Amino acid sequence: MSRRPAAGSDAKVRGWLIDLREQKGMTQGQVAAAAGISQPSYFAIEKGISFPKPETAKKLAAVLGFDLARFYEDEDEGES
């Protein structure tokens, strides 16, 4: 997991990722376990503190049922 600053994108990432997790009725720990990462790592991703490695992003997308490109779209929008 990289420790890139989240700039302006943290709120966007946090919002949609939290919404998807809650819609699935899952806790941070459940999502993390299903994706094979620690709960603190997932927390950091959800809060925009860290950005997931591509393989982790792919696992999170599969667990929560979203298009993997969503991580990168939000990241790009936050930088412009």
C-alpha atoms as a PDB file:
ATOM      1  CA  MET A   1       0.000   0.000   0.000  1.00  0.00           C
ATOM      2  CA  SER A   2       1.453   3.363  -0.932  1.00  0.00           C
ATOM      3  CA  ARG A   3       1.355   6.328   1.420  1.00  0.00           C
ATOM      4  CA  ARG A   4       0.446   8.945  -1.170  1.00  0.00           C
ATOM      5  CA  PRO A   5      -1.234  12.036   0.186  1.00  0.00           C
ATOM      6  CA  ALA A   6      -4.892  12.002  -0.670  1.00  0.00           C
ATOM      7  CA  ALA A   7      -5.031  15.696  -1.627  1.00  0.00           C
ATOM      8  CA  GLY A   8      -8.648  16.626  -2.348  1.00  0.00           C
ATOM      9  CA  SER A   9      -9.778  13.125  -3.221  1.00  0.00           C
ATOM     10  CA  ASP A  10     -10.036  11.708   0.301  1.00  0.00           C
ATOM     11  CA  ALA A  11     -13.651  12.771   0.864  1.00  0.00           C
ATOM     12  CA  LYS A  12     -14.750  11.332  -2.497  1.00  0.00           C
ATOM     13  CA  VAL A  13     -13.024   8.009  -1.917  1.00  0.00           C
ATOM     14  CA  ARG A  14     -14.288   7.807   1.651  1.00  0.00           C
ATOM     15  CA  GLY A  15     -17.851   8.630   0.684  1.00  0.00           C
ATOM     16  CA  TRP A  16     -18.425   6.174  -2.101  1.00  0.00           C
ATOM     17  CA  LEU A  17     -16.405   3.392  -0.492  1.00  0.00           C
ATOM     18  CA  ILE A  18     -18.214   3.736   2.829  1.00  0.00           C
ATOM     19  CA  ASP A  19     -21.573   3.848   1.018  1.00  0.00           C
ATOM     20  CA  LEU A  20     -20.816   0.633  -0.882  1.00  0.00           C
ATOM     21  CA  ARG A  21     -19.619  -1.148   2.255  1.00  0.00           C
ATOM     22  CA  GLU A  22     -22.700  -0.078   4.215  1.00  0.00           C
ATOM     23  CA  GLN A  23     -25.042  -1.067   1.371  1.00  0.00           C
ATOM     24  CA  LYS A  24     -23.525  -4.564   1.572  1.00  0.00           C
ATOM     25  CA  GLY A  25     -24.077  -4.551   5.349  1.00  0.00           C
ATOM     26  CA  MET A  26     -20.393  -5.200   5.968  1.00  0.00           C
ATOM     27  CA  THR A  27     -17.993  -3.913   8.596  1.00  0.00           C
ATOM     28  CA  GLN A  28     -14.517  -2.658   7.755  1.00  0.00           C
ATOM     29  CA  GLY A  29     -13.142  -5.870   9.254  1.00  0.00           C
ATOM     30  CA  GLN A  30     -15.359  -8.044   7.069  1.00  0.00           C
ATOM     31  CA  VAL A  31     -14.341  -6.221   3.892  1.00  0.00           C
ATOM     32  CA  ALA A  32     -10.684  -6.370   4.882  1.00  0.00           C
ATOM     33  CA  ALA A  33     -10.841 -10.104   5.645  1.00  0.00           C
ATOM     34  CA  ALA A  34     -12.625 -10.845   2.358  1.00  0.00           C
ATOM     35  CA  ALA A  35      -9.983  -8.860   0.454  1.00  0.00           C
ATOM     36  CA  GLY A  36      -7.086 -10.437   2.358  1.00  0.00           C
ATOM     37  CA  ILE A  37      -5.831  -7.242   4.013  1.00  0.00           C
ATOM     38  CA  SER A  38      -5.769  -5.975   7.590  1.00  0.00           C
ATOM     39  CA  GLN A  39      -8.596  -3.878   8.991  1.00  0.00           C
ATOM     40  CA  PRO A  40      -6.226  -0.939   9.662  1.00  0.00           C
ATOM     41  CA  SER A  41      -5.110  -1.065   6.018  1.00  0.00           C
ATOM     42  CA  TYR A  42      -8.714  -0.995   4.839  1.00  0.00           C
ATOM     43  CA  PHE A  43      -9.480   1.857   7.256  1.00  0.00           C
ATOM     44  CA  ALA A  44      -6.597   3.875   5.754  1.00  0.00           C
ATOM     45  CA  ILE A  45      -7.911   3.259   2.228  1.00  0.00           C
ATOM     46  CA  GLU A  46     -11.464   4.199   3.195  1.00  0.00           C
ATOM     47  CA  LYS A  47     -10.263   7.413   4.860  1.00  0.00           C
ATOM     48  CA  GLY A  48      -8.071   8.382   1.904  1.00  0.00           C
ATOM     49  CA  ILE A  49      -4.872   8.092   3.952  1.00  0.00           C
ATOM     50  CA  SER A  50      -3.496   5.341   1.700  1.00  0.00           C
ATOM     51  CA  PHE A  51      -4.116   4.238  -1.847  1.00  0.00           C
ATOM     52  CA  PRO A  52      -4.396   0.491  -2.502  1.00  0.00           C
ATOM     53  CA  LYS A  53      -1.957  -1.428  -4.660  1.00  0.00           C
ATOM     54  CA  PRO A  54      -3.598  -2.539  -7.930  1.00  0.00           C
ATOM     55  CA  GLU A  55      -4.068  -6.119  -6.717  1.00  0.00           C
ATOM     56  CA  THR A  56      -5.712  -4.898  -3.502  1.00  0.00           C
ATOM     57  CA  ALA A  57      -7.941  -2.485  -5.407  1.00  0.00           C
ATOM     58  CA  LYS A  58      -9.024  -5.392  -7.621  1.00  0.00           C
ATOM     59  CA  LYS A  59      -9.906  -7.514  -4.577  1.00  0.00           C
ATOM     60  CA  LEU A  60     -11.855  -4.670  -2.963  1.00  0.00           C
ATOM     61  CA  ALA A  61     -13.757  -4.116  -6.209  1.00  0.00           C
ATOM     62  CA  ALA A  62     -14.688  -7.801  -6.298  1.00  0.00           C
ATOM     63  CA  VAL A  63     -15.761  -7.864  -2.637  1.00  0.00           C
ATOM     64  CA  LEU A  64     -17.876  -4.702  -2.848  1.00  0.00           C
ATOM     65  CA  GLY A  65     -19.046  -5.105  -6.444  1.00  0.00           C
ATOM     66  CA  PHE A  66     -17.740  -1.980  -8.154  1.00  0.00           C
ATOM     67  CA  ASP A  67     -15.690  -1.226 -11.257  1.00  0.00           C
ATOM     68  CA  LEU A  68     -11.982  -1.165 -10.421  1.00  0.00           C
ATOM     69  CA  ALA A  69     -11.592   2.034 -12.465  1.00  0.00           C
ATOM     70  CA  ARG A  70     -13.584   3.872  -9.800  1.00  0.00           C
ATOM     71  CA  PHE A  71     -10.502   4.188  -7.581  1.00  0.00           C
ATOM     72  CA  TYR A  72      -8.544   5.818 -10.379  1.00  0.00           C
ATOM     73  CA  GLU A  73     -11.358   8.062 -11.621  1.00  0.00           C
ATOM     74  CA  ASP A  74     -11.781   9.591  -8.179  1.00  0.00           C
ATOM     75  CA  GLU A  75      -8.018   9.963  -7.772  1.00  0.00           C
ATOM     76  CA  ASP A  76      -7.741  11.821 -11.102  1.00  0.00           C
ATOM     77  CA  GLU A  77     -10.720  14.071 -10.341  1.00  0.00           C
ATOM     78  CA  GLY A  78      -9.207  15.051  -7.000  1.00  0.00           C
ATOM     79  CA  GLU A  79      -5.926  16.091  -8.627  1.00  0.00           C
ATOM     80  CA  SER A  80      -7.412  18.366 -11.278  1.00  0.00           C
END
